[in-house]
């Protein structure tokens, strides 16, 4: 799958009961402040109902997090769109490292917008399910790995962007070191007053930090399961 495209079954709005729901989602995202038309377009194309259990499919386009097993969740669509927009603006990254594949939904969104996505998942069963879903959607510009996300993926570093889908207690140094000059990392960070979404940009003299907004994520854990 090339950046900006989806397999026919993903791009089609003719899936019964979901076409209108996707359009309503686009309206809600715009009203919530998502301004990147590319991101909103992809959010309406990626079939979120295929990334949740069949019993939850009727809620797939609600703006809510949903359980995916193993104590993990698929993030609410607004959060996915906000993190994607923050990572890609200004300009578009070419290679992105995602830490925490989860269901694979965020991975699919990124894959439609950048040249290559590398994604690491620590929970084997989630990694296997995500791999099957992304293969079915013909996301050919994605490479998945079962491993400790806190270590990153040094083999393919440096990355233009790094997106972390679990809350860290501090900026992971090993991941920051894998950012290319000018690269950006978007991650939820635990603080004294709760979690915040942080954007970290690598400059010629160090790193620039921007606090974006409050968020709620599961914790970033080391090791594999």
N, C-alpha and C. Protein backbone atom coordinates (compact mmCIF):
# COMPACT_ATOMS: atom_id res chain seq x y z
N UNK A 1 0.84 -1.20 0.00
CA UNK A 1 0.00 0.00 0.00
C UNK A 1 0.87 1.24 0.00
N UNK A 2 0.70 2.13 -0.95
CA UNK A 2 1.44 3.37 -0.99
C UNK A 2 0.87 4.35 0.01
N UNK A 3 1.73 5.29 0.45
CA UNK A 3 1.25 6.32 1.37
C UNK A 3 0.09 7.07 0.74
N UNK A 4 -0.97 7.28 1.53
CA UNK A 4 -2.12 8.01 1.04
C UNK A 4 -3.15 7.16 0.35
N UNK A 5 -2.94 5.84 0.27
CA UNK A 5 -3.91 4.96 -0.36
C UNK A 5 -4.30 3.84 0.58
N UNK A 6 -5.43 3.21 0.29
CA UNK A 6 -5.89 2.07 1.07
C UNK A 6 -6.37 0.99 0.13
N UNK A 7 -6.38 -0.24 0.62
CA UNK A 7 -6.94 -1.33 -0.17
C UNK A 7 -8.40 -1.03 -0.45
N UNK A 8 -8.98 -1.56 -1.55
CA UNK A 8 -10.36 -1.24 -1.93
C UNK A 8 -11.37 -1.45 -0.81
N UNK A 9 -11.23 -2.54 -0.03
CA UNK A 9 -12.20 -2.80 1.02
C UNK A 9 -12.10 -1.79 2.15
N UNK A 10 -10.92 -1.16 2.28
CA UNK A 10 -10.76 -0.14 3.31
C UNK A 10 -11.31 1.19 2.86
N UNK A 11 -11.11 1.51 1.58
CA UNK A 11 -11.53 2.82 1.08
C UNK A 11 -13.02 2.89 0.81
N UNK A 12 -13.65 1.76 0.61
CA UNK A 12 -15.07 1.76 0.27
C UNK A 12 -15.93 2.23 1.43
N UNK A 13 -16.88 3.10 1.13
CA UNK A 13 -17.84 3.53 2.14
C UNK A 13 -19.12 2.74 2.08
N UNK A 14 -19.10 1.64 1.31
CA UNK A 14 -20.33 0.89 1.07
C UNK A 14 -20.54 -0.26 2.05
N UNK A 15 -19.73 -0.32 3.11
CA UNK A 15 -19.93 -1.36 4.12
C UNK A 15 -21.22 -1.06 4.86
N UNK A 16 -22.20 -1.98 4.87
CA UNK A 16 -23.51 -1.71 5.48
C UNK A 16 -23.38 -1.23 6.92
N UNK A 17 -24.07 -0.14 7.23
CA UNK A 17 -24.11 0.34 8.61
C UNK A 17 -22.92 1.14 9.05
N UNK A 18 -21.90 1.32 8.18
CA UNK A 18 -20.70 2.03 8.61
C UNK A 18 -20.37 3.25 7.77
N UNK A 19 -20.86 3.33 6.55
CA UNK A 19 -20.55 4.48 5.71
C UNK A 19 -20.95 5.80 6.33
N UNK A 20 -22.19 5.90 6.78
CA UNK A 20 -22.66 7.14 7.41
C UNK A 20 -21.95 7.39 8.72
N UNK A 21 -21.64 6.33 9.44
CA UNK A 21 -20.94 6.49 10.72
C UNK A 21 -19.57 7.11 10.50
N UNK A 22 -18.89 6.74 9.43
CA UNK A 22 -17.59 7.31 9.12
C UNK A 22 -17.70 8.80 8.81
N UNK A 23 -18.76 9.17 8.08
CA UNK A 23 -18.96 10.58 7.76
C UNK A 23 -19.27 11.39 9.02
N UNK A 24 -20.06 10.82 9.92
CA UNK A 24 -20.35 11.51 11.19
C UNK A 24 -19.07 11.68 12.01
N UNK A 25 -18.19 10.66 11.94
CA UNK A 25 -16.92 10.75 12.65
C UNK A 25 -16.10 11.92 12.11
N UNK A 26 -16.07 12.08 10.79
CA UNK A 26 -15.32 13.19 10.20
C UNK A 26 -15.85 14.53 10.69
N UNK A 27 -17.17 14.64 10.79
CA UNK A 27 -17.78 15.88 11.28
C UNK A 27 -17.38 16.15 12.72
N UNK A 28 -17.39 15.10 13.55
CA UNK A 28 -17.01 15.27 14.96
C UNK A 28 -15.55 15.66 15.11
N UNK A 29 -14.70 15.05 14.30
CA UNK A 29 -13.26 15.37 14.39
C UNK A 29 -13.00 16.82 14.00
N UNK A 30 -13.68 17.27 12.97
CA UNK A 30 -13.53 18.67 12.55
C UNK A 30 -14.01 19.61 13.64
N UNK A 31 -15.16 19.29 14.23
CA UNK A 31 -15.70 20.13 15.30
C UNK A 31 -14.80 20.14 16.52
N UNK A 32 -14.06 19.03 16.74
CA UNK A 32 -13.18 18.94 17.91
C UNK A 32 -11.85 19.64 17.69
N UNK A 33 -11.61 20.15 16.47
CA UNK A 33 -10.40 20.93 16.23
C UNK A 33 -9.34 20.28 15.36
N UNK A 34 -9.61 19.10 14.83
CA UNK A 34 -8.65 18.48 13.91
C UNK A 34 -8.72 19.24 12.59
N UNK A 35 -7.59 19.83 12.20
CA UNK A 35 -7.60 20.70 11.04
C UNK A 35 -6.91 20.16 9.81
N UNK A 36 -6.21 19.04 9.93
CA UNK A 36 -5.48 18.47 8.80
C UNK A 36 -6.43 17.63 7.96
N UNK A 37 -6.73 18.10 6.76
CA UNK A 37 -7.69 17.41 5.89
C UNK A 37 -7.20 16.02 5.51
N UNK A 38 -5.88 15.83 5.41
CA UNK A 38 -5.34 14.50 5.09
C UNK A 38 -5.69 13.51 6.18
N UNK A 39 -5.53 13.94 7.43
CA UNK A 39 -5.79 13.06 8.57
C UNK A 39 -7.28 12.71 8.63
N UNK A 40 -8.13 13.70 8.49
CA UNK A 40 -9.57 13.44 8.54
C UNK A 40 -9.98 12.52 7.40
N UNK A 41 -9.42 12.72 6.22
CA UNK A 41 -9.74 11.86 5.09
C UNK A 41 -9.39 10.41 5.35
N UNK A 42 -8.20 10.19 5.91
CA UNK A 42 -7.77 8.82 6.21
C UNK A 42 -8.63 8.22 7.31
N UNK A 43 -8.99 9.02 8.31
CA UNK A 43 -9.82 8.51 9.41
C UNK A 43 -11.18 8.04 8.91
N UNK A 44 -11.67 8.64 7.85
CA UNK A 44 -12.96 8.19 7.30
C UNK A 44 -12.79 6.96 6.41
N UNK A 45 -11.57 6.70 5.95
CA UNK A 45 -11.34 5.56 5.06
C UNK A 45 -10.96 4.28 5.81
N UNK A 46 -10.12 4.41 6.84
CA UNK A 46 -9.67 3.21 7.54
C UNK A 46 -10.85 2.57 8.28
N UNK A 47 -11.14 1.31 8.04
CA UNK A 47 -12.32 0.65 8.62
C UNK A 47 -12.10 0.25 10.08
N UNK A 48 -12.39 1.16 10.98
CA UNK A 48 -12.12 0.90 12.41
C UNK A 48 -12.87 -0.31 12.93
N UNK A 49 -14.02 -0.62 12.33
CA UNK A 49 -14.81 -1.77 12.80
C UNK A 49 -14.06 -3.09 12.61
N UNK A 50 -13.06 -3.11 11.74
CA UNK A 50 -12.28 -4.33 11.54
C UNK A 50 -11.18 -4.51 12.59
N UNK A 51 -10.99 -3.48 13.42
CA UNK A 51 -9.93 -3.52 14.43
C UNK A 51 -10.47 -3.75 15.85
N UNK A 52 -11.77 -4.01 15.95
CA UNK A 52 -12.37 -4.31 17.25
C UNK A 52 -13.11 -5.64 17.15
N UNK A 53 -13.45 -6.21 18.30
CA UNK A 53 -14.22 -7.44 18.30
C UNK A 53 -15.57 -7.21 17.61
N UNK A 54 -16.09 -8.25 16.97
CA UNK A 54 -17.34 -8.13 16.24
C UNK A 54 -18.48 -7.63 17.12
N UNK A 55 -18.46 -8.02 18.39
CA UNK A 55 -19.51 -7.60 19.31
C UNK A 55 -19.51 -6.10 19.55
N UNK A 56 -18.37 -5.44 19.28
CA UNK A 56 -18.25 -4.00 19.52
C UNK A 56 -18.31 -3.20 18.22
N UNK A 57 -18.54 -3.87 17.09
CA UNK A 57 -18.47 -3.22 15.79
C UNK A 57 -19.46 -2.06 15.65
N UNK A 58 -20.62 -2.17 16.31
CA UNK A 58 -21.61 -1.09 16.20
C UNK A 58 -21.14 0.18 16.90
N UNK A 59 -20.13 0.06 17.76
CA UNK A 59 -19.59 1.23 18.46
C UNK A 59 -18.25 1.68 17.88
N UNK A 60 -17.85 1.07 16.77
CA UNK A 60 -16.51 1.31 16.23
C UNK A 60 -16.26 2.77 15.87
N UNK A 61 -17.30 3.49 15.46
CA UNK A 61 -17.10 4.87 15.03
C UNK A 61 -17.58 5.88 16.06
N UNK A 62 -17.89 5.39 17.26
CA UNK A 62 -18.10 6.30 18.39
C UNK A 62 -16.74 6.90 18.75
N UNK A 63 -16.74 8.10 19.27
CA UNK A 63 -15.47 8.70 19.67
C UNK A 63 -15.13 8.24 21.08
N UNK A 64 -14.78 6.98 21.18
CA UNK A 64 -14.51 6.36 22.48
C UNK A 64 -13.46 5.29 22.34
N UNK A 65 -12.67 5.09 23.41
CA UNK A 65 -11.73 3.97 23.45
C UNK A 65 -12.52 2.69 23.69
N UNK A 66 -12.03 1.59 23.12
CA UNK A 66 -12.71 0.30 23.26
C UNK A 66 -11.68 -0.77 23.63
N UNK A 67 -12.10 -1.77 24.43
CA UNK A 67 -11.15 -2.82 24.82
C UNK A 67 -10.79 -3.72 23.65
N UNK A 68 -9.51 -4.15 23.64
CA UNK A 68 -9.05 -5.08 22.59
C UNK A 68 -8.43 -6.33 23.20
N UNK A 69 -8.55 -6.48 24.52
CA UNK A 69 -7.98 -7.64 25.20
C UNK A 69 -6.61 -7.36 25.76
N UNK A 70 -6.13 -8.26 26.63
CA UNK A 70 -4.80 -8.15 27.24
C UNK A 70 -4.63 -6.86 28.02
N UNK A 71 -5.75 -6.32 28.52
CA UNK A 71 -5.69 -5.09 29.31
C UNK A 71 -5.41 -3.84 28.50
N UNK A 72 -5.56 -3.92 27.17
CA UNK A 72 -5.26 -2.79 26.29
C UNK A 72 -6.54 -2.29 25.63
N UNK A 73 -6.44 -1.10 25.03
CA UNK A 73 -7.59 -0.50 24.35
C UNK A 73 -7.16 0.04 22.99
N UNK A 74 -8.15 0.20 22.12
CA UNK A 74 -7.95 0.97 20.89
C UNK A 74 -8.33 2.40 21.24
N UNK A 75 -7.45 3.34 20.99
CA UNK A 75 -7.67 4.73 21.38
C UNK A 75 -8.89 5.31 20.67
N UNK A 76 -9.51 6.31 21.31
CA UNK A 76 -10.63 6.96 20.68
C UNK A 76 -10.16 7.65 19.40
N UNK A 77 -11.03 7.74 18.39
CA UNK A 77 -10.62 8.32 17.11
C UNK A 77 -10.02 9.73 17.24
N UNK A 78 -10.57 10.57 18.11
CA UNK A 78 -10.00 11.91 18.26
C UNK A 78 -8.54 11.83 18.67
N UNK A 79 -8.22 10.96 19.61
CA UNK A 79 -6.84 10.84 20.08
C UNK A 79 -5.92 10.38 18.97
N UNK A 80 -6.36 9.39 18.19
CA UNK A 80 -5.58 8.91 17.05
C UNK A 80 -5.33 10.05 16.07
N UNK A 81 -6.38 10.80 15.75
CA UNK A 81 -6.25 11.91 14.80
C UNK A 81 -5.35 13.00 15.36
N UNK A 82 -5.50 13.32 16.64
CA UNK A 82 -4.70 14.39 17.25
C UNK A 82 -3.22 14.03 17.28
N UNK A 83 -2.90 12.80 17.66
CA UNK A 83 -1.51 12.38 17.71
C UNK A 83 -0.90 12.33 16.31
N UNK A 84 -1.68 11.86 15.34
CA UNK A 84 -1.20 11.79 13.96
C UNK A 84 -0.94 13.18 13.42
N UNK A 85 -1.88 14.09 13.65
CA UNK A 85 -1.73 15.46 13.19
C UNK A 85 -0.52 16.13 13.83
N UNK A 86 -0.33 15.91 15.12
CA UNK A 86 0.80 16.51 15.84
C UNK A 86 2.13 15.96 15.33
N UNK A 87 2.14 14.69 14.95
CA UNK A 87 3.38 14.08 14.47
C UNK A 87 3.75 14.60 13.08
N UNK A 88 2.75 14.74 12.21
CA UNK A 88 3.02 15.06 10.82
C UNK A 88 3.15 16.55 10.53
N UNK A 89 2.63 17.40 11.39
CA UNK A 89 2.67 18.84 11.12
C UNK A 89 3.89 19.47 11.79
N UNK A 90 4.60 20.39 11.13
CA UNK A 90 4.42 20.76 9.72
C UNK A 90 5.15 19.79 8.81
N UNK A 91 4.59 19.51 7.68
CA UNK A 91 5.22 18.60 6.75
C UNK A 91 4.92 17.15 7.07
N UNK A 92 5.30 16.26 6.19
CA UNK A 92 5.00 14.85 6.36
C UNK A 92 6.26 14.04 6.61
N UNK A 93 6.24 13.22 7.61
CA UNK A 93 7.36 12.32 7.88
C UNK A 93 7.44 11.27 6.78
N UNK A 94 8.63 10.76 6.56
CA UNK A 94 8.81 9.67 5.59
C UNK A 94 8.79 8.31 6.28
N UNK A 95 9.53 8.19 7.39
CA UNK A 95 9.55 6.94 8.15
C UNK A 95 9.13 7.20 9.59
N UNK A 96 8.24 6.36 10.09
CA UNK A 96 7.70 6.53 11.44
C UNK A 96 7.86 5.23 12.22
N UNK A 97 8.29 5.36 13.46
CA UNK A 97 8.33 4.24 14.40
C UNK A 97 7.16 4.39 15.36
N UNK A 98 6.34 3.36 15.46
CA UNK A 98 5.22 3.34 16.40
C UNK A 98 5.55 2.37 17.52
N UNK A 99 5.39 2.82 18.75
CA UNK A 99 5.61 1.97 19.91
C UNK A 99 4.25 1.62 20.51
N UNK A 100 3.87 0.35 20.39
CA UNK A 100 2.56 -0.10 20.86
C UNK A 100 1.60 -0.26 19.71
N UNK A 101 1.73 -1.34 18.96
CA UNK A 101 0.87 -1.58 17.80
C UNK A 101 -0.59 -1.73 18.21
N UNK A 102 -0.82 -2.42 19.34
CA UNK A 102 -2.19 -2.64 19.81
C UNK A 102 -3.03 -3.36 18.77
N UNK A 103 -4.16 -2.78 18.44
CA UNK A 103 -5.06 -3.39 17.45
C UNK A 103 -4.52 -3.26 16.03
N UNK A 104 -3.64 -2.29 15.80
CA UNK A 104 -3.15 -2.00 14.46
C UNK A 104 -3.86 -0.84 13.79
N UNK A 105 -4.85 -0.25 14.47
CA UNK A 105 -5.63 0.84 13.86
C UNK A 105 -4.78 2.09 13.63
N UNK A 106 -4.07 2.54 14.66
CA UNK A 106 -3.21 3.70 14.50
C UNK A 106 -2.14 3.43 13.44
N UNK A 107 -1.66 2.20 13.39
CA UNK A 107 -0.66 1.80 12.39
C UNK A 107 -1.21 2.00 10.99
N UNK A 108 -2.45 1.56 10.77
CA UNK A 108 -3.08 1.68 9.45
C UNK A 108 -3.27 3.14 9.06
N UNK A 109 -3.63 3.97 10.03
CA UNK A 109 -3.79 5.40 9.75
C UNK A 109 -2.46 6.00 9.31
N UNK A 110 -1.40 5.70 10.05
CA UNK A 110 -0.07 6.20 9.69
C UNK A 110 0.37 5.69 8.33
N UNK A 111 0.08 4.42 8.05
CA UNK A 111 0.52 3.80 6.80
C UNK A 111 -0.07 4.48 5.57
N UNK A 112 -1.23 5.09 5.73
CA UNK A 112 -1.87 5.78 4.62
C UNK A 112 -1.30 7.18 4.40
N UNK A 113 -0.42 7.62 5.31
CA UNK A 113 0.07 8.99 5.26
C UNK A 113 1.58 9.11 5.10
N UNK A 114 2.33 8.05 5.39
CA UNK A 114 3.78 8.13 5.31
C UNK A 114 4.32 6.98 4.45
N UNK A 115 5.61 7.07 4.12
CA UNK A 115 6.18 6.06 3.23
C UNK A 115 6.36 4.72 3.90
N UNK A 116 6.79 4.72 5.16
CA UNK A 116 7.09 3.46 5.85
C UNK A 116 6.78 3.58 7.33
N UNK A 117 6.12 2.56 7.88
CA UNK A 117 5.82 2.50 9.31
C UNK A 117 6.46 1.24 9.89
N UNK A 118 7.22 1.43 10.97
CA UNK A 118 7.78 0.33 11.75
C UNK A 118 7.07 0.35 13.09
N UNK A 119 6.50 -0.77 13.50
CA UNK A 119 5.69 -0.79 14.71
C UNK A 119 6.08 -1.96 15.60
N UNK A 120 6.23 -1.68 16.89
CA UNK A 120 6.65 -2.69 17.87
C UNK A 120 5.54 -2.91 18.89
N UNK A 121 5.19 -4.17 19.14
CA UNK A 121 4.17 -4.53 20.13
C UNK A 121 4.76 -5.56 21.09
N UNK A 122 4.58 -5.33 22.40
CA UNK A 122 5.15 -6.22 23.40
C UNK A 122 4.29 -7.45 23.68
N UNK A 123 2.99 -7.39 23.40
CA UNK A 123 2.07 -8.50 23.69
C UNK A 123 1.89 -9.35 22.43
N UNK A 124 2.33 -10.60 22.51
CA UNK A 124 2.38 -11.46 21.32
C UNK A 124 1.02 -11.62 20.65
N UNK A 125 -0.04 -11.84 21.43
CA UNK A 125 -1.35 -12.09 20.83
C UNK A 125 -1.85 -10.86 20.08
N UNK A 126 -1.59 -9.66 20.60
CA UNK A 126 -2.00 -8.44 19.90
C UNK A 126 -1.18 -8.25 18.62
N UNK A 127 0.11 -8.53 18.70
CA UNK A 127 0.98 -8.43 17.53
C UNK A 127 0.49 -9.35 16.42
N UNK A 128 0.10 -10.58 16.78
CA UNK A 128 -0.37 -11.54 15.77
C UNK A 128 -1.67 -11.08 15.12
N UNK A 129 -2.60 -10.58 15.96
CA UNK A 129 -3.88 -10.12 15.41
C UNK A 129 -3.69 -8.90 14.51
N UNK A 130 -2.87 -7.97 14.96
CA UNK A 130 -2.63 -6.76 14.17
C UNK A 130 -1.99 -7.12 12.83
N UNK A 131 -1.07 -8.05 12.87
CA UNK A 131 -0.39 -8.47 11.65
C UNK A 131 -1.39 -9.04 10.64
N UNK A 132 -2.32 -9.84 11.13
CA UNK A 132 -3.34 -10.43 10.24
C UNK A 132 -4.25 -9.35 9.66
N UNK A 133 -4.66 -8.40 10.48
CA UNK A 133 -5.56 -7.33 10.01
C UNK A 133 -4.87 -6.47 8.95
N UNK A 134 -3.64 -6.06 9.23
CA UNK A 134 -2.93 -5.18 8.31
C UNK A 134 -2.59 -5.89 7.00
N UNK A 135 -2.33 -7.17 7.09
CA UNK A 135 -2.08 -7.95 5.87
C UNK A 135 -3.36 -8.02 5.03
N UNK A 136 -4.51 -8.22 5.69
CA UNK A 136 -5.78 -8.30 4.97
C UNK A 136 -6.11 -6.98 4.28
N UNK A 137 -5.68 -5.86 4.87
CA UNK A 137 -5.92 -4.54 4.30
C UNK A 137 -4.83 -4.14 3.31
N UNK A 138 -3.89 -5.04 3.07
CA UNK A 138 -2.81 -4.81 2.10
C UNK A 138 -1.95 -3.60 2.45
N UNK A 139 -1.65 -3.48 3.74
CA UNK A 139 -0.76 -2.41 4.19
C UNK A 139 0.69 -2.86 3.99
N UNK A 140 1.17 -2.72 2.79
CA UNK A 140 2.48 -3.27 2.43
C UNK A 140 3.65 -2.40 2.88
N UNK A 141 3.39 -1.21 3.34
CA UNK A 141 4.47 -0.34 3.80
C UNK A 141 4.62 -0.36 5.32
N UNK A 142 4.17 -1.45 5.94
CA UNK A 142 4.24 -1.61 7.39
C UNK A 142 5.10 -2.82 7.73
N UNK A 143 5.96 -2.65 8.72
CA UNK A 143 6.73 -3.78 9.24
C UNK A 143 6.49 -3.85 10.74
N UNK A 144 6.04 -5.02 11.22
CA UNK A 144 5.72 -5.22 12.62
C UNK A 144 6.78 -6.08 13.30
N UNK A 145 6.89 -5.86 14.61
CA UNK A 145 7.85 -6.64 15.40
C UNK A 145 7.28 -6.90 16.78
N UNK A 146 7.43 -8.13 17.27
CA UNK A 146 7.10 -8.45 18.65
C UNK A 146 8.36 -8.23 19.48
N UNK A 147 8.30 -7.24 20.37
CA UNK A 147 9.48 -6.93 21.15
C UNK A 147 9.21 -5.86 22.19
N UNK A 148 10.27 -5.44 22.86
CA UNK A 148 10.20 -4.41 23.89
C UNK A 148 10.26 -3.04 23.21
N UNK A 149 9.13 -2.35 23.19
CA UNK A 149 9.07 -1.07 22.51
C UNK A 149 9.97 -0.01 23.10
N UNK A 150 10.28 -0.11 24.39
CA UNK A 150 11.14 0.88 25.02
C UNK A 150 12.53 0.91 24.40
N UNK A 151 12.89 -0.16 23.70
CA UNK A 151 14.20 -0.24 23.06
C UNK A 151 14.18 0.33 21.65
N UNK A 152 12.99 0.59 21.12
CA UNK A 152 12.87 1.09 19.76
C UNK A 152 13.18 0.02 18.74
N UNK A 153 13.71 0.45 17.59
CA UNK A 153 14.07 -0.48 16.51
C UNK A 153 15.32 0.08 15.84
N UNK A 154 16.44 -0.10 16.50
CA UNK A 154 17.69 0.52 16.10
C UNK A 154 18.09 0.17 14.67
N UNK A 155 17.73 -1.02 14.22
CA UNK A 155 18.11 -1.47 12.88
C UNK A 155 17.67 -0.52 11.79
N UNK A 156 16.51 0.16 11.99
CA UNK A 156 15.97 1.04 10.96
C UNK A 156 16.06 2.52 11.32
N UNK A 157 16.70 2.84 12.43
CA UNK A 157 16.87 4.23 12.84
C UNK A 157 17.89 4.91 11.91
N UNK A 158 17.83 6.25 11.80
CA UNK A 158 16.95 7.16 12.54
C UNK A 158 15.59 7.29 11.85
N UNK A 159 14.59 7.69 12.64
CA UNK A 159 13.23 7.85 12.16
C UNK A 159 12.86 9.33 12.10
N UNK A 160 12.04 9.69 11.12
CA UNK A 160 11.54 11.06 11.03
C UNK A 160 10.52 11.34 12.13
N UNK A 161 9.79 10.31 12.53
CA UNK A 161 8.79 10.47 13.57
C UNK A 161 8.70 9.23 14.44
N UNK A 162 8.41 9.43 15.70
CA UNK A 162 8.15 8.32 16.63
C UNK A 162 6.86 8.64 17.37
N UNK A 163 5.94 7.68 17.37
CA UNK A 163 4.67 7.84 18.06
C UNK A 163 4.53 6.73 19.09
N UNK A 164 4.29 7.11 20.34
CA UNK A 164 4.19 6.15 21.44
C UNK A 164 2.75 6.14 21.94
N UNK A 165 2.15 4.96 22.01
CA UNK A 165 0.73 4.85 22.34
C UNK A 165 0.49 4.36 23.77
N UNK A 166 1.46 4.60 24.66
CA UNK A 166 1.31 4.28 26.07
C UNK A 166 2.07 5.33 26.86
N UNK A 167 1.63 5.57 28.10
CA UNK A 167 2.16 6.68 28.88
C UNK A 167 3.47 6.32 29.58
N UNK A 168 4.50 7.13 29.33
CA UNK A 168 5.81 6.95 29.95
C UNK A 168 5.95 7.88 31.16
N UNK A 169 6.87 7.54 32.04
CA UNK A 169 7.14 8.39 33.21
C UNK A 169 8.16 9.47 32.88
N UNK A 170 8.83 9.33 31.78
CA UNK A 170 9.78 10.32 31.29
C UNK A 170 10.04 10.01 29.84
N UNK A 171 10.67 10.93 29.13
CA UNK A 171 10.97 10.68 27.72
C UNK A 171 11.97 9.53 27.62
N UNK A 172 11.62 8.43 26.95
CA UNK A 172 12.55 7.29 26.83
C UNK A 172 13.80 7.70 26.04
N UNK A 173 14.95 7.64 26.69
CA UNK A 173 16.18 8.14 26.06
C UNK A 173 16.57 7.33 24.84
N UNK A 174 16.38 6.01 24.91
CA UNK A 174 16.77 5.18 23.77
C UNK A 174 15.93 5.50 22.54
N UNK A 175 14.68 5.88 22.76
CA UNK A 175 13.83 6.25 21.63
C UNK A 175 14.19 7.63 21.11
N UNK A 176 14.43 8.58 22.00
CA UNK A 176 14.81 9.92 21.57
C UNK A 176 16.08 9.88 20.74
N UNK A 177 17.00 8.98 21.09
CA UNK A 177 18.26 8.86 20.36
C UNK A 177 18.06 8.33 18.95
N UNK A 178 16.90 7.72 18.68
CA UNK A 178 16.62 7.16 17.36
C UNK A 178 15.87 8.13 16.45
N UNK A 179 15.67 9.37 16.92
CA UNK A 179 15.05 10.40 16.09
C UNK A 179 16.09 11.02 15.16
N UNK A 180 15.70 11.24 13.92
CA UNK A 180 16.56 11.95 12.98
C UNK A 180 16.58 13.44 13.33
N UNK A 181 17.60 14.17 12.93
CA UNK A 181 17.60 15.63 13.13
C UNK A 181 16.35 16.25 12.52
N UNK A 182 15.66 17.06 13.31
CA UNK A 182 14.39 17.63 12.88
C UNK A 182 13.20 16.72 13.09
N UNK A 183 13.46 15.49 13.54
CA UNK A 183 12.39 14.53 13.77
C UNK A 183 11.55 14.86 14.98
N UNK A 184 10.34 14.28 15.02
CA UNK A 184 9.41 14.57 16.12
C UNK A 184 8.95 13.28 16.78
N UNK A 185 8.78 13.35 18.09
CA UNK A 185 8.20 12.26 18.85
C UNK A 185 6.94 12.78 19.54
N UNK A 186 5.86 12.03 19.44
CA UNK A 186 4.61 12.38 20.14
C UNK A 186 4.30 11.25 21.10
N UNK A 187 4.09 11.60 22.37
CA UNK A 187 3.87 10.58 23.38
C UNK A 187 3.08 11.13 24.55
N UNK A 188 2.29 10.26 25.21
CA UNK A 188 1.67 10.65 26.48
C UNK A 188 2.70 10.51 27.59
N UNK A 189 2.71 11.48 28.49
CA UNK A 189 3.71 11.50 29.55
C UNK A 189 3.01 11.65 30.90
N UNK A 190 3.39 10.82 31.85
CA UNK A 190 2.85 10.95 33.20
C UNK A 190 3.48 12.14 33.91
N UNK A 191 2.64 12.92 34.58
CA UNK A 191 3.12 14.06 35.34
C UNK A 191 2.47 14.12 36.70
N UNK A 192 2.81 15.13 37.46
CA UNK A 192 2.26 15.25 38.81
C UNK A 192 0.76 15.46 38.83
N UNK A 193 0.21 16.08 37.79
CA UNK A 193 -1.22 16.37 37.73
C UNK A 193 -1.96 15.52 36.72
N UNK A 194 -1.38 14.38 36.35
CA UNK A 194 -2.00 13.51 35.37
C UNK A 194 -1.16 13.43 34.11
N UNK A 195 -1.72 12.85 33.08
CA UNK A 195 -1.00 12.65 31.83
C UNK A 195 -1.21 13.82 30.87
N UNK A 196 -0.17 14.12 30.10
CA UNK A 196 -0.27 15.13 29.05
C UNK A 196 0.32 14.56 27.76
N UNK A 197 -0.14 15.09 26.65
CA UNK A 197 0.41 14.72 25.36
C UNK A 197 1.56 15.67 25.05
N UNK A 198 2.73 15.09 24.76
CA UNK A 198 3.94 15.87 24.55
C UNK A 198 4.45 15.67 23.13
N UNK A 199 4.92 16.77 22.52
CA UNK A 199 5.62 16.66 21.25
C UNK A 199 7.07 17.10 21.47
N UNK A 200 7.97 16.20 21.10
CA UNK A 200 9.40 16.41 21.27
C UNK A 200 10.02 16.54 19.88
N UNK A 201 10.74 17.62 19.63
CA UNK A 201 11.38 17.84 18.33
C UNK A 201 12.88 17.90 18.52
N UNK A 202 13.60 17.11 17.73
CA UNK A 202 15.07 17.10 17.81
C UNK A 202 15.62 18.27 17.00
N UNK A 203 16.36 19.15 17.66
CA UNK A 203 16.96 20.31 17.00
C UNK A 203 18.48 20.13 16.93
N UNK A 204 19.15 21.12 16.39
CA UNK A 204 20.62 21.05 16.28
C UNK A 204 21.30 21.19 17.63
N UNK A 205 20.57 21.68 18.63
CA UNK A 205 21.18 21.90 19.94
C UNK A 205 20.55 21.04 21.04
N UNK A 206 19.63 20.17 20.70
CA UNK A 206 18.98 19.34 21.71
C UNK A 206 17.56 18.98 21.32
N UNK A 207 16.63 19.14 22.28
CA UNK A 207 15.24 18.78 22.04
C UNK A 207 14.31 19.90 22.49
N UNK A 208 13.30 20.17 21.69
CA UNK A 208 12.28 21.16 22.06
C UNK A 208 11.03 20.42 22.51
N UNK A 209 10.46 20.82 23.65
CA UNK A 209 9.29 20.16 24.22
C UNK A 209 8.06 21.05 24.09
N UNK A 210 6.94 20.46 23.66
CA UNK A 210 5.67 21.16 23.60
C UNK A 210 4.60 20.31 24.28
N UNK A 211 3.94 20.86 25.28
CA UNK A 211 2.81 20.18 25.91
C UNK A 211 1.56 20.54 25.13
N UNK A 212 0.83 19.51 24.65
CA UNK A 212 -0.30 19.74 23.76
C UNK A 212 -1.64 19.76 24.48
N UNK A 213 -1.93 18.73 25.28
CA UNK A 213 -3.22 18.66 25.96
C UNK A 213 -3.25 17.48 26.92
N UNK A 214 -4.22 17.46 27.86
CA UNK A 214 -4.35 16.30 28.76
C UNK A 214 -4.83 15.07 28.00
N UNK A 215 -4.36 13.89 28.43
CA UNK A 215 -4.77 12.62 27.81
C UNK A 215 -4.84 11.54 28.89
N UNK A 216 -5.36 10.36 28.48
CA UNK A 216 -5.38 9.20 29.38
C UNK A 216 -5.00 7.98 28.57
N UNK A 217 -3.89 7.34 28.98
CA UNK A 217 -3.39 6.15 28.29
C UNK A 217 -3.01 5.08 29.30
N UNK A 218 -2.94 3.84 28.81
CA UNK A 218 -2.39 2.75 29.63
C UNK A 218 -0.90 3.00 29.78
N UNK A 219 -0.24 2.44 30.81
CA UNK A 219 1.19 2.71 31.04
C UNK A 219 2.09 2.02 30.02
N UNK A 220 3.22 2.65 29.75
CA UNK A 220 4.25 2.05 28.91
C UNK A 220 5.04 1.05 29.75
N UNK A 221 5.03 -0.20 29.33
CA UNK A 221 5.69 -1.27 30.08
C UNK A 221 6.88 -1.80 29.30
N UNK A 222 7.91 -2.22 30.03
CA UNK A 222 9.09 -2.81 29.42
C UNK A 222 8.91 -4.32 29.28
N UNK A 223 9.77 -4.95 28.50
CA UNK A 223 9.72 -6.40 28.34
C UNK A 223 8.67 -6.83 27.34
N UNK A 224 8.46 -8.16 27.25
CA UNK A 224 7.47 -8.71 26.34
C UNK A 224 6.53 -9.64 27.08
N UNK A 225 5.38 -9.89 26.49
CA UNK A 225 4.38 -10.77 27.11
C UNK A 225 3.76 -11.66 26.03
